[in-house]
Amino acid sequence: MPLPPLSASQRAEALAKAAAARARRAELRDRLKRSEESLAAILALGQDDEVVGRMRVSALLQALPGIGRARAAQIMERLGIAASRRVRGLGPRQREALVAEFDGWPGRRDRIT
């Protein structure tokens, strides 16, 4: 099913909204990488925030210091989380398992702004 045609102003608005969402997700990944935010705080934020909720869990894990693509995939497989899962799609047990996995991770903090 094709997308409905958009006017030039609608297209510009959609592009601006998408760019803002990408920038917000990049900023959160950067804060996680610099240990300014904890994984638990970002997972909690993702339940209410549409932009954060649409982040892939694998991308979030890869933002953690010392976690690359392969290690993130291993952790997700061990915890029973699909590779395509997004933050909002995590169940309560999956969120708890991820938080427990990274509890005490270097630089962990439990605040979000």
PDB file of N, CA and C in Angstrom:
ATOM      1  N   MET A   1       0.843  -1.175   0.000  1.00  0.00           N
ATOM      2  CA  MET A   1       0.000   0.000   0.000  1.00  0.00           C
ATOM      3  C   MET A   1       0.893   1.244   0.000  1.00  0.00           C
ATOM      4  N   PRO A   2       0.780   2.060  -1.020  1.00  0.00           N
ATOM      5  CA  PRO A   2       1.636   3.249  -1.105  1.00  0.00           C
ATOM      6  C   PRO A   2       1.248   4.294  -0.055  1.00  0.00           C
ATOM      7  N   LEU A   3       2.235   5.103   0.273  1.00  0.00           N
ATOM      8  CA  LEU A   3       1.996   6.191   1.206  1.00  0.00           C
ATOM      9  C   LEU A   3       1.157   7.274   0.543  1.00  0.00           C
ATOM     10  N   PRO A   4       0.351   7.972   1.322  1.00  0.00           N
ATOM     11  CA  PRO A   4      -0.443   9.039   0.714  1.00  0.00           C
ATOM     12  C   PRO A   4       0.481  10.178   0.263  1.00  0.00           C
ATOM     13  N   PRO A   5       0.094  10.861  -0.798  1.00  0.00           N
ATOM     14  CA  PRO A   5       0.940  11.972  -1.259  1.00  0.00           C
ATOM     15  C   PRO A   5       0.920  13.113  -0.242  1.00  0.00           C
ATOM     16  N   LEU A   6       2.078  13.729  -0.048  1.00  0.00           N
ATOM     17  CA  LEU A   6       2.201  14.824   0.903  1.00  0.00           C
ATOM     18  C   LEU A   6       2.485  16.119   0.161  1.00  0.00           C
ATOM     19  N   SER A   7       1.969  17.195   0.719  1.00  0.00           N
ATOM     20  CA  SER A   7       2.298  18.509   0.151  1.00  0.00           C
ATOM     21  C   SER A   7       3.741  18.831   0.540  1.00  0.00           C
ATOM     22  N   ALA A   8       4.287  19.851  -0.054  1.00  0.00           N
ATOM     23  CA  ALA A   8       5.675  20.230   0.238  1.00  0.00           C
ATOM     24  C   ALA A   8       5.842  20.600   1.706  1.00  0.00           C
ATOM     25  N   SER A   9       4.875  21.303   2.274  1.00  0.00           N
ATOM     26  CA  SER A   9       4.987  21.694   3.687  1.00  0.00           C
ATOM     27  C   SER A   9       4.840  20.483   4.606  1.00  0.00           C
ATOM     28  N   GLN A  10       3.962  19.548   4.260  1.00  0.00           N
ATOM     29  CA  GLN A  10       3.812  18.332   5.069  1.00  0.00           C
ATOM     30  C   GLN A  10       5.082  17.497   5.024  1.00  0.00           C
ATOM     31  N   ARG A  11       5.675  17.409   3.836  1.00  0.00           N
ATOM     32  CA  ARG A  11       6.917  16.649   3.685  1.00  0.00           C
ATOM     33  C   ARG A  11       8.041  17.291   4.490  1.00  0.00           C
ATOM     34  N   ALA A  12       8.156  18.611   4.443  1.00  0.00           N
ATOM     35  CA  ALA A  12       9.187  19.318   5.202  1.00  0.00           C
ATOM     36  C   ALA A  12       8.974  19.120   6.700  1.00  0.00           C
ATOM     37  N   GLU A  13       7.733  19.165   7.137  1.00  0.00           N
ATOM     38  CA  GLU A  13       7.423  18.962   8.558  1.00  0.00           C
ATOM     39  C   GLU A  13       7.782  17.544   8.995  1.00  0.00           C
ATOM     40  N   ALA A  14       7.461  16.558   8.163  1.00  0.00           N
ATOM     41  CA  ALA A  14       7.780  15.164   8.484  1.00  0.00           C
ATOM     42  C   ALA A  14       9.296  14.952   8.533  1.00  0.00           C
ATOM     43  N   LEU A  15      10.017  15.560   7.605  1.00  0.00           N
ATOM     44  CA  LEU A  15      11.475  15.439   7.590  1.00  0.00           C
ATOM     45  C   LEU A  15      12.091  16.079   8.833  1.00  0.00           C
ATOM     46  N   ALA A  16      11.576  17.227   9.236  1.00  0.00           N
ATOM     47  CA  ALA A  16      12.084  17.898  10.433  1.00  0.00           C
ATOM     48  C   ALA A  16      11.799  17.067  11.686  1.00  0.00           C
ATOM     49  N   LYS A  17      10.621  16.474  11.753  1.00  0.00           N
ATOM     50  CA  LYS A  17      10.257  15.637  12.897  1.00  0.00           C
ATOM     51  C   LYS A  17      11.160  14.405  12.968  1.00  0.00           C
ATOM     52  N   ALA A  18      11.430  13.795  11.824  1.00  0.00           N
ATOM     53  CA  ALA A  18      12.300  12.616  11.782  1.00  0.00           C
ATOM     54  C   ALA A  18      13.729  12.974  12.171  1.00  0.00           C
ATOM     55  N   ALA A  19      14.208  14.119  11.724  1.00  0.00           N
ATOM     56  CA  ALA A  19      15.563  14.551  12.070  1.00  0.00           C
ATOM     57  C   ALA A  19      15.682  14.817  13.566  1.00  0.00           C
ATOM     58  N   ALA A  20      14.652  15.423  14.159  1.00  0.00           N
ATOM     59  CA  ALA A  20      14.660  15.688  15.602  1.00  0.00           C
ATOM     60  C   ALA A  20      14.660  14.378  16.394  1.00  0.00           C
ATOM     61  N   ALA A  21      13.904  13.392  15.930  1.00  0.00           N
ATOM     62  CA  ALA A  21      13.862  12.088  16.607  1.00  0.00           C
ATOM     63  C   ALA A  21      15.227  11.403  16.526  1.00  0.00           C
ATOM     64  N   ARG A  22      15.870  11.437  15.351  1.00  0.00           N
ATOM     65  CA  ARG A  22      17.192  10.827  15.204  1.00  0.00           C
ATOM     66  C   ARG A  22      18.208  11.513  16.105  1.00  0.00           C
ATOM     67  N   ALA A  23      18.132  12.840  16.184  1.00  0.00           N
ATOM     68  CA  ALA A  23      19.074  13.579  17.032  1.00  0.00           C
ATOM     69  C   ALA A  23      18.861  13.233  18.501  1.00  0.00           C
ATOM     70  N   ARG A  24      17.614  13.084  18.923  1.00  0.00           N
ATOM     71  CA  ARG A  24      17.320  12.736  20.324  1.00  0.00           C
ATOM     72  C   ARG A  24      17.845  11.345  20.652  1.00  0.00           C
ATOM     73  N   ARG A  25      17.624  10.393  19.756  1.00  0.00           N
ATOM     74  CA  ARG A  25      18.120   9.035  19.989  1.00  0.00           C
ATOM     75  C   ARG A  25      19.649   9.025  20.027  1.00  0.00           C
ATOM     76  N   ALA A  26      20.285   9.778  19.137  1.00  0.00           N
ATOM     77  CA  ALA A  26      21.751   9.848  19.117  1.00  0.00           C
ATOM     78  C   ALA A  26      22.267  10.457  20.418  1.00  0.00           C
ATOM     79  N   GLU A  27      21.581  11.486  20.912  1.00  0.00           N
ATOM     80  CA  GLU A  27      22.002  12.116  22.163  1.00  0.00           C
ATOM     81  C   GLU A  27      21.898  11.131  23.335  1.00  0.00           C
ATOM     82  N   LEU A  28      20.814  10.348  23.383  1.00  0.00           N
ATOM     83  CA  LEU A  28      20.666   9.368  24.461  1.00  0.00           C
ATOM     84  C   LEU A  28      21.731   8.279  24.382  1.00  0.00           C
ATOM     85  N   ARG A  29      22.045   7.815  23.160  1.00  0.00           N
ATOM     86  CA  ARG A  29      23.100   6.818  23.013  1.00  0.00           C
ATOM     87  C   ARG A  29      24.441   7.393  23.462  1.00  0.00           C
ATOM     88  N   ASP A  30      24.689   8.654  23.129  1.00  0.00           N
ATOM     89  CA  ASP A  30      25.934   9.302  23.530  1.00  0.00           C
ATOM     90  C   ASP A  30      26.012   9.439  25.053  1.00  0.00           C
ATOM     91  N   ARG A  31      24.909   9.821  25.684  1.00  0.00           N
ATOM     92  CA  ARG A  31      24.885   9.941  27.153  1.00  0.00           C
ATOM     93  C   ARG A  31      25.121   8.581  27.805  1.00  0.00           C
ATOM     94  N   LEU A  32      24.585   7.523  27.216  1.00  0.00           N
ATOM     95  CA  LEU A  32      24.802   6.174  27.727  1.00  0.00           C
ATOM     96  C   LEU A  32      26.271   5.790  27.556  1.00  0.00           C
ATOM     97  N   LYS A  33      26.827   6.121  26.419  1.00  0.00           N
ATOM     98  CA  LYS A  33      28.230   5.806  26.128  1.00  0.00           C
ATOM     99  C   LYS A  33      29.169   6.520  27.100  1.00  0.00           C
ATOM    100  N   ARG A  34      28.832   7.778  27.436  1.00  0.00           N
ATOM    101  CA  ARG A  34      29.652   8.551  28.367  1.00  0.00           C
ATOM    102  C   ARG A  34      29.296   8.279  29.825  1.00  0.00           C
ATOM    103  N   SER A  35      28.429   7.306  30.075  1.00  0.00           N
ATOM    104  CA  SER A  35      27.995   6.896  31.419  1.00  0.00           C
ATOM    105  C   SER A  35      27.298   8.024  32.178  1.00  0.00           C
ATOM    106  N   GLU A  36      26.618   8.899  31.457  1.00  0.00           N
ATOM    107  CA  GLU A  36      25.847   9.953  32.097  1.00  0.00           C
ATOM    108  C   GLU A  36      24.430   9.489  32.425  1.00  0.00           C
ATOM    109  N   GLU A  37      23.987   8.416  31.794  1.00  0.00           N
ATOM    110  CA  GLU A  37      22.671   7.829  32.045  1.00  0.00           C
ATOM    111  C   GLU A  37      22.827   6.328  32.190  1.00  0.00           C
ATOM    112  N   SER A  38      21.919   5.744  32.927  1.00  0.00           N
ATOM    113  CA  SER A  38      21.956   4.291  33.077  1.00  0.00           C
ATOM    114  C   SER A  38      21.022   3.651  32.054  1.00  0.00           C
ATOM    115  N   LEU A  39      21.273   2.403  31.773  1.00  0.00           N
ATOM    116  CA  LEU A  39      20.412   1.650  30.875  1.00  0.00           C
ATOM    117  C   LEU A  39      19.011   1.569  31.469  1.00  0.00           C
ATOM    118  N   ALA A  40      18.921   1.367  32.776  1.00  0.00           N
ATOM    119  CA  ALA A  40      17.619   1.262  33.443  1.00  0.00           C
ATOM    120  C   ALA A  40      16.793   2.530  33.256  1.00  0.00           C
ATOM    121  N   ALA A  41      17.439   3.687  33.373  1.00  0.00           N
ATOM    122  CA  ALA A  41      16.722   4.957  33.224  1.00  0.00           C
ATOM    123  C   ALA A  41      16.207   5.133  31.802  1.00  0.00           C
ATOM    124  N   ILE A  42      17.002   4.757  30.826  1.00  0.00           N
ATOM    125  CA  ILE A  42      16.582   4.908  29.430  1.00  0.00           C
ATOM    126  C   ILE A  42      15.483   3.907  29.096  1.00  0.00           C
ATOM    127  N   LEU A  43      15.577   2.687  29.610  1.00  0.00           N
ATOM    128  CA  LEU A  43      14.514   1.704  29.384  1.00  0.00           C
ATOM    129  C   LEU A  43      13.199   2.180  29.998  1.00  0.00           C
ATOM    130  N   ALA A  44      13.268   2.772  31.179  1.00  0.00           N
ATOM    131  CA  ALA A  44      12.061   3.294  31.824  1.00  0.00           C
ATOM    132  C   ALA A  44      11.484   4.455  31.021  1.00  0.00           C
ATOM    133  N   LEU A  45      12.340   5.323  30.531  1.00  0.00           N
ATOM    134  CA  LEU A  45      11.895   6.458  29.732  1.00  0.00           C
ATOM    135  C   LEU A  45      11.212   5.981  28.452  1.00  0.00           C
ATOM    136  N   GLY A  46      11.688   4.894  27.895  1.00  0.00           N
ATOM    137  CA  GLY A  46      11.141   4.363  26.650  1.00  0.00           C
ATOM    138  C   GLY A  46       9.716   3.883  26.746  1.00  0.00           C
ATOM    139  N   GLN A  47       9.211   3.654  27.933  1.00  0.00           N
ATOM    140  CA  GLN A  47       7.833   3.202  28.087  1.00  0.00           C
ATOM    141  C   GLN A  47       6.846   4.349  27.879  1.00  0.00           C
ATOM    142  N   ASP A  48       7.290   5.579  28.083  1.00  0.00           N
ATOM    143  CA  ASP A  48       6.406   6.736  27.946  1.00  0.00           C
ATOM    144  C   ASP A  48       6.763   7.639  26.768  1.00  0.00           C
ATOM    145  N   ASP A  49       8.011   7.624  26.358  1.00  0.00           N
ATOM    146  CA  ASP A  49       8.501   8.523  25.315  1.00  0.00           C
ATOM    147  C   ASP A  49       8.514   7.783  23.981  1.00  0.00           C
ATOM    148  N   GLU A  50       7.754   8.294  23.020  1.00  0.00           N
ATOM    149  CA  GLU A  50       7.624   7.648  21.710  1.00  0.00           C
ATOM    150  C   GLU A  50       8.964   7.530  20.987  1.00  0.00           C
ATOM    151  N   VAL A  51       9.778   8.569  21.050  1.00  0.00           N
ATOM    152  CA  VAL A  51      11.065   8.575  20.345  1.00  0.00           C
ATOM    153  C   VAL A  51      11.990   7.509  20.920  1.00  0.00           C
ATOM    154  N   VAL A  52      12.092   7.444  22.236  1.00  0.00           N
ATOM    155  CA  VAL A  52      12.953   6.462  22.892  1.00  0.00           C
ATOM    156  C   VAL A  52      12.377   5.061  22.710  1.00  0.00           C
ATOM    157  N   GLY A  53      11.067   4.938  22.773  1.00  0.00           N
ATOM    158  CA  GLY A  53      10.417   3.639  22.625  1.00  0.00           C
ATOM    159  C   GLY A  53      10.671   2.976  21.290  1.00  0.00           C
ATOM    160  N   ARG A  54      10.958   3.776  20.268  1.00  0.00           N
ATOM    161  CA  ARG A  54      11.208   3.222  18.930  1.00  0.00           C
ATOM    162  C   ARG A  54      12.667   2.845  18.683  1.00  0.00           C
ATOM    163  N   MET A  55      13.532   3.068  19.665  1.00  0.00           N
ATOM    164  CA  MET A  55      14.943   2.674  19.520  1.00  0.00           C
ATOM    165  C   MET A  55      15.058   1.156  19.545  1.00  0.00           C
ATOM    166  N   ARG A  56      15.947   0.623  18.763  1.00  0.00           N
ATOM    167  CA  ARG A  56      16.212  -0.814  18.825  1.00  0.00           C
ATOM    168  C   ARG A  56      17.048  -1.103  20.073  1.00  0.00           C
ATOM    169  N   VAL A  57      16.720  -2.181  20.751  1.00  0.00           N
ATOM    170  CA  VAL A  57      17.445  -2.566  21.957  1.00  0.00           C
ATOM    171  C   VAL A  57      18.901  -2.839  21.623  1.00  0.00           C
ATOM    172  N   SER A  58      19.160  -3.452  20.478  1.00  0.00           N
ATOM    173  CA  SER A  58      20.542  -3.758  20.102  1.00  0.00           C
ATOM    174  C   SER A  58      21.365  -2.478  19.957  1.00  0.00           C
ATOM    175  N   ALA A  59      20.794  -1.423  19.389  1.00  0.00           N
ATOM    176  CA  ALA A  59      21.512  -0.157  19.239  1.00  0.00           C
ATOM    177  C   ALA A  59      21.799   0.463  20.603  1.00  0.00           C
ATOM    178  N   LEU A  60      20.862   0.311  21.514  1.00  0.00           N
ATOM    179  CA  LEU A  60      21.041   0.837  22.862  1.00  0.00           C
ATOM    180  C   LEU A  60      22.170   0.099  23.578  1.00  0.00           C
ATOM    181  N   LEU A  61      22.191  -1.227  23.458  1.00  0.00           N
ATOM    182  CA  LEU A  61      23.246  -2.017  24.103  1.00  0.00           C
ATOM    183  C   LEU A  61      24.613  -1.703  23.494  1.00  0.00           C
ATOM    184  N   GLN A  62      24.652  -1.515  22.178  1.00  0.00           N
ATOM    185  CA  GLN A  62      25.921  -1.220  21.522  1.00  0.00           C
ATOM    186  C   GLN A  62      26.477   0.138  21.926  1.00  0.00           C
ATOM    187  N   ALA A  63      25.636   0.996  22.476  1.00  0.00           N
ATOM    188  CA  ALA A  63      26.103   2.297  22.945  1.00  0.00           C
ATOM    189  C   ALA A  63      26.828   2.187  24.285  1.00  0.00           C
ATOM    190  N   LEU A  64      26.638   1.068  24.980  1.00  0.00           N
ATOM    191  CA  LEU A  64      27.331   0.878  26.251  1.00  0.00           C
ATOM    192  C   LEU A  64      28.823   0.670  26.008  1.00  0.00           C
ATOM    193  N   PRO A  65      29.665   1.250  26.854  1.00  0.00           N
ATOM    194  CA  PRO A  65      31.112   1.047  26.694  1.00  0.00           C
ATOM    195  C   PRO A  65      31.463  -0.438  26.789  1.00  0.00           C
ATOM    196  N   GLY A  66      32.223  -0.921  25.828  1.00  0.00           N
ATOM    197  CA  GLY A  66      32.673  -2.308  25.851  1.00  0.00           C
ATOM    198  C   GLY A  66      31.718  -3.302  25.226  1.00  0.00           C
ATOM    199  N   ILE A  67      30.575  -2.838  24.709  1.00  0.00           N
ATOM    200  CA  ILE A  67      29.599  -3.728  24.085  1.00  0.00           C
ATOM    201  C   ILE A  67      29.550  -3.409  22.593  1.00  0.00           C
ATOM    202  N   GLY A  68      29.845  -4.397  21.795  1.00  0.00           N
ATOM    203  CA  GLY A  68      29.776  -4.237  20.346  1.00  0.00           C
ATOM    204  C   GLY A  68      28.604  -5.016  19.790  1.00  0.00           C
ATOM    205  N   ARG A  69      28.569  -5.127  18.486  1.00  0.00           N
ATOM    206  CA  ARG A  69      27.463  -5.803  17.814  1.00  0.00           C
ATOM    207  C   ARG A  69      27.359  -7.273  18.233  1.00  0.00           C
ATOM    208  N   ALA A  70      28.478  -7.993  18.250  1.00  0.00           N
ATOM    209  CA  ALA A  70      28.456  -9.419  18.576  1.00  0.00           C
ATOM    210  C   ALA A  70      28.060  -9.662  20.033  1.00  0.00           C
ATOM    211  N   ARG A  71      28.644  -8.894  20.936  1.00  0.00           N
ATOM    212  CA  ARG A  71      28.327  -9.084  22.357  1.00  0.00           C
ATOM    213  C   ARG A  71      26.875  -8.710  22.655  1.00  0.00           C
ATOM    214  N   ALA A  72      26.381  -7.655  22.033  1.00  0.00           N
ATOM    215  CA  ALA A  72      24.977  -7.272  22.215  1.00  0.00           C
ATOM    216  C   ALA A  72      24.064  -8.394  21.730  1.00  0.00           C
ATOM    217  N   ALA A  73      24.399  -8.991  20.584  1.00  0.00           N
ATOM    218  CA  ALA A  73      23.592 -10.091  20.047  1.00  0.00           C
ATOM    219  C   ALA A  73      23.616 -11.295  20.983  1.00  0.00           C
ATOM    220  N   GLN A  74      24.779 -11.610  21.550  1.00  0.00           N
ATOM    221  CA  GLN A  74      24.887 -12.736  22.491  1.00  0.00           C
ATOM    222  C   GLN A  74      24.047 -12.495  23.735  1.00  0.00           C
ATOM    223  N   ILE A  75      24.114 -11.293  24.276  1.00  0.00           N
ATOM    224  CA  ILE A  75      23.352 -10.964  25.484  1.00  0.00           C
ATOM    225  C   ILE A  75      21.860 -11.057  25.198  1.00  0.00           C
ATOM    226  N   MET A  76      21.433 -10.495  24.083  1.00  0.00           N
ATOM    227  CA  MET A  76      20.013 -10.523  23.747  1.00  0.00           C
ATOM    228  C   MET A  76      19.521 -11.948  23.525  1.00  0.00           C
ATOM    229  N   GLU A  77      20.328 -12.756  22.872  1.00  0.00           N
ATOM    230  CA  GLU A  77      19.939 -14.151  22.641  1.00  0.00           C
ATOM    231  C   GLU A  77      19.833 -14.904  23.961  1.00  0.00           C
ATOM    232  N   ARG A  78      20.808 -14.690  24.851  1.00  0.00           N
ATOM    233  CA  ARG A  78      20.791 -15.365  26.152  1.00  0.00           C
ATOM    234  C   ARG A  78      19.585 -14.957  26.984  1.00  0.00           C
ATOM    235  N   LEU A  79      19.164 -13.700  26.853  1.00  0.00           N
ATOM    236  CA  LEU A  79      18.028 -13.206  27.630  1.00  0.00           C
ATOM    237  C   LEU A  79      16.687 -13.434  26.927  1.00  0.00           C
ATOM    238  N   GLY A  80      16.731 -14.012  25.734  1.00  0.00           N
ATOM    239  CA  GLY A  80      15.493 -14.308  25.012  1.00  0.00           C
ATOM    240  C   GLY A  80      14.845 -13.077  24.401  1.00  0.00           C
ATOM    241  N   ILE A  81      15.650 -12.145  23.932  1.00  0.00           N
ATOM    242  CA  ILE A  81      15.151 -10.917  23.322  1.00  0.00           C
ATOM    243  C   ILE A  81      15.460 -10.977  21.829  1.00  0.00           C
ATOM    244  N   ALA A  82      14.447 -10.809  21.014  1.00  0.00           N
ATOM    245  CA  ALA A  82      14.623 -10.859  19.562  1.00  0.00           C
ATOM    246  C   ALA A  82      15.541  -9.738  19.093  1.00  0.00           C
ATOM    247  N   ALA A  83      16.299 -10.007  18.045  1.00  0.00           N
ATOM    248  CA  ALA A  83      17.264  -9.030  17.517  1.00  0.00           C
ATOM    249  C   ALA A  83      16.588  -7.759  17.020  1.00  0.00           C
ATOM    250  N   SER A  84      15.336  -7.863  16.587  1.00  0.00           N
ATOM    251  CA  SER A  84      14.627  -6.705  16.045  1.00  0.00           C
ATOM    252  C   SER A  84      13.800  -5.961  17.092  1.00  0.00           C
ATOM    253  N   ARG A  85      13.875  -6.371  18.331  1.00  0.00           N
ATOM    254  CA  ARG A  85      13.029  -5.792  19.392  1.00  0.00           C
ATOM    255  C   ARG A  85      13.361  -4.323  19.631  1.00  0.00           C
ATOM    256  N   ARG A  86      12.327  -3.551  19.847  1.00  0.00           N
ATOM    257  CA  ARG A  86      12.485  -2.136  20.178  1.00  0.00           C
ATOM    258  C   ARG A  86      12.220  -1.941  21.664  1.00  0.00           C
ATOM    259  N   VAL A  87      12.671  -0.830  22.215  1.00  0.00           N
ATOM    260  CA  VAL A  87      12.591  -0.585  23.656  1.00  0.00           C
ATOM    261  C   VAL A  87      11.153  -0.701  24.165  1.00  0.00           C
ATOM    262  N   ARG A  88      10.206  -0.085  23.467  1.00  0.00           N
ATOM    263  CA  ARG A  88       8.829  -0.131  23.921  1.00  0.00           C
ATOM    264  C   ARG A  88       8.258  -1.547  23.863  1.00  0.00           C
ATOM    265  N   GLY A  89       8.793  -2.393  23.010  1.00  0.00           N
ATOM    266  CA  GLY A  89       8.292  -3.749  22.853  1.00  0.00           C
ATOM    267  C   GLY A  89       8.815  -4.733  23.878  1.00  0.00           C
ATOM    268  N   LEU A  90       9.709  -4.305  24.754  1.00  0.00           N
ATOM    269  CA  LEU A  90      10.231  -5.203  25.785  1.00  0.00           C
ATOM    270  C   LEU A  90       9.161  -5.481  26.825  1.00  0.00           C
ATOM    271  N   GLY A  91       9.099  -6.731  27.257  1.00  0.00           N
ATOM    272  CA  GLY A  91       8.199  -7.084  28.345  1.00  0.00           C
ATOM    273  C   GLY A  91       8.847  -6.752  29.676  1.00  0.00           C
ATOM    274  N   PRO A  92       8.065  -6.780  30.750  1.00  0.00           N
ATOM    275  CA  PRO A  92       8.620  -6.443  32.067  1.00  0.00           C
ATOM    276  C   PRO A  92       9.784  -7.349  32.472  1.00  0.00           C
ATOM    277  N   ARG A  93       9.675  -8.630  32.187  1.00  0.00           N
ATOM    278  CA  ARG A  93      10.760  -9.560  32.551  1.00  0.00           C
ATOM    279  C   ARG A  93      12.012  -9.308  31.719  1.00  0.00           C
ATOM    280  N   GLN A  94      11.826  -8.960  30.461  1.00  0.00           N
ATOM    281  CA  GLN A  94      12.981  -8.661  29.619  1.00  0.00           C
ATOM    282  C   GLN A  94      13.685  -7.393  30.098  1.00  0.00           C
ATOM    283  N   ARG A  95      12.910  -6.365  30.467  1.00  0.00           N
ATOM    284  CA  ARG A  95      13.520  -5.145  31.004  1.00  0.00           C
ATOM    285  C   ARG A  95      14.276  -5.452  32.292  1.00  0.00           C
ATOM    286  N   GLU A  96      13.657  -6.231  33.189  1.00  0.00           N
ATOM    287  CA  GLU A  96      14.310  -6.598  34.448  1.00  0.00           C
ATOM    288  C   GLU A  96      15.598  -7.371  34.189  1.00  0.00           C
ATOM    289  N   ALA A  97      15.567  -8.290  33.222  1.00  0.00           N
ATOM    290  CA  ALA A  97      16.756  -9.083  32.901  1.00  0.00           C
ATOM    291  C   ALA A  97      17.884  -8.189  32.378  1.00  0.00           C
ATOM    292  N   LEU A  98      17.551  -7.233  31.530  1.00  0.00           N
ATOM    293  CA  LEU A  98      18.569  -6.312  31.016  1.00  0.00           C
ATOM    294  C   LEU A  98      19.144  -5.450  32.131  1.00  0.00           C
ATOM    295  N   VAL A  99      18.278  -4.938  32.991  1.00  0.00           N
ATOM    296  CA  VAL A  99      18.749  -4.104  34.104  1.00  0.00           C
ATOM    297  C   VAL A  99      19.651  -4.923  35.021  1.00  0.00           C
ATOM    298  N   ALA A 100      19.253  -6.167  35.311  1.00  0.00           N
ATOM    299  CA  ALA A 100      20.069  -7.034  36.168  1.00  0.00           C
ATOM    300  C   ALA A 100      21.408  -7.359  35.505  1.00  0.00           C
ATOM    301  N   GLU A 101      21.387  -7.548  34.200  1.00  0.00           N
ATOM    302  CA  GLU A 101      22.612  -7.863  33.450  1.00  0.00           C
ATOM    303  C   GLU A 101      23.637  -6.734  33.573  1.00  0.00           C
ATOM    304  N   PHE A 102      23.158  -5.496  33.564  1.00  0.00           N
ATOM    305  CA  PHE A 102      24.064  -4.360  33.569  1.00  0.00           C
ATOM    306  C   PHE A 102      24.085  -3.611  34.892  1.00  0.00           C
ATOM    307  N   ASP A 103      23.523  -4.201  35.931  1.00  0.00           N
ATOM    308  CA  ASP A 103      23.581  -3.593  37.264  1.00  0.00           C
ATOM    309  C   ASP A 103      25.039  -3.585  37.714  1.00  0.00           C
ATOM    310  N   GLY A 104      25.515  -2.430  38.127  1.00  0.00           N
ATOM    311  CA  GLY A 104      26.908  -2.321  38.529  1.00  0.00           C
ATOM    312  C   GLY A 104      27.864  -2.116  37.371  1.00  0.00           C
ATOM    313  N   TRP A 105      27.319  -1.915  36.163  1.00  0.00           N
ATOM    314  CA  TRP A 105      28.153  -1.652  34.991  1.00  0.00           C
ATOM    315  C   TRP A 105      28.956  -0.386  35.255  1.00  0.00           C
ATOM    316  N   PRO A 106      30.187  -0.295  34.827  1.00  0.00           N
ATOM    317  CA  PRO A 106      31.008   0.889  35.098  1.00  0.00           C
ATOM    318  C   PRO A 106      30.307   2.189  34.695  1.00  0.00           C
ATOM    319  N   GLY A 107      30.312   3.143  35.607  1.00  0.00           N
ATOM    320  CA  GLY A 107      29.739   4.443  35.319  1.00  0.00           C
ATOM    321  C   GLY A 107      28.241   4.502  35.455  1.00  0.00           C
ATOM    322  N   ARG A 108      27.623   3.491  36.051  1.00  0.00           N
ATOM    323  CA  ARG A 108      26.163   3.418  36.156  1.00  0.00           C
ATOM    324  C   ARG A 108      25.619   4.566  37.003  1.00  0.00           C
ATOM    325  N   ARG A 109      24.554   5.197  36.503  1.00  0.00           N
ATOM    326  CA  ARG A 109      23.830   6.230  37.237  1.00  0.00           C
ATOM    327  C   ARG A 109      22.340   6.055  36.966  1.00  0.00           C
ATOM    328  N   ASP A 110      21.515   6.405  37.932  1.00  0.00           N
ATOM    329  CA  ASP A 110      20.073   6.186  37.797  1.00  0.00           C
ATOM    330  C   ASP A 110      19.290   7.479  37.661  1.00  0.00           C
ATOM    331  N   ARG A 111      19.741   8.393  36.830  1.00  0.00           N
ATOM    332  CA  ARG A 111      18.981   9.612  36.647  1.00  0.00           C
ATOM    333  C   ARG A 111      18.771   9.864  35.155  1.00  0.00           C
ATOM    334  N   ILE A 112      17.745  10.561  34.863  1.00  0.00           N
ATOM    335  CA  ILE A 112      17.456  10.932  33.486  1.00  0.00           C
ATOM    336  C   ILE A 112      16.918  12.359  33.506  1.00  0.00           C
ATOM    337  N   THR A 113      17.301  13.132  32.527  1.00  0.00           N
ATOM    338  CA  THR A 113      16.817  14.516  32.478  1.00  0.00           C
ATOM    339  C   THR A 113      15.924  14.725  31.298  1.00  0.00           C
TER     340      THR A 113
END
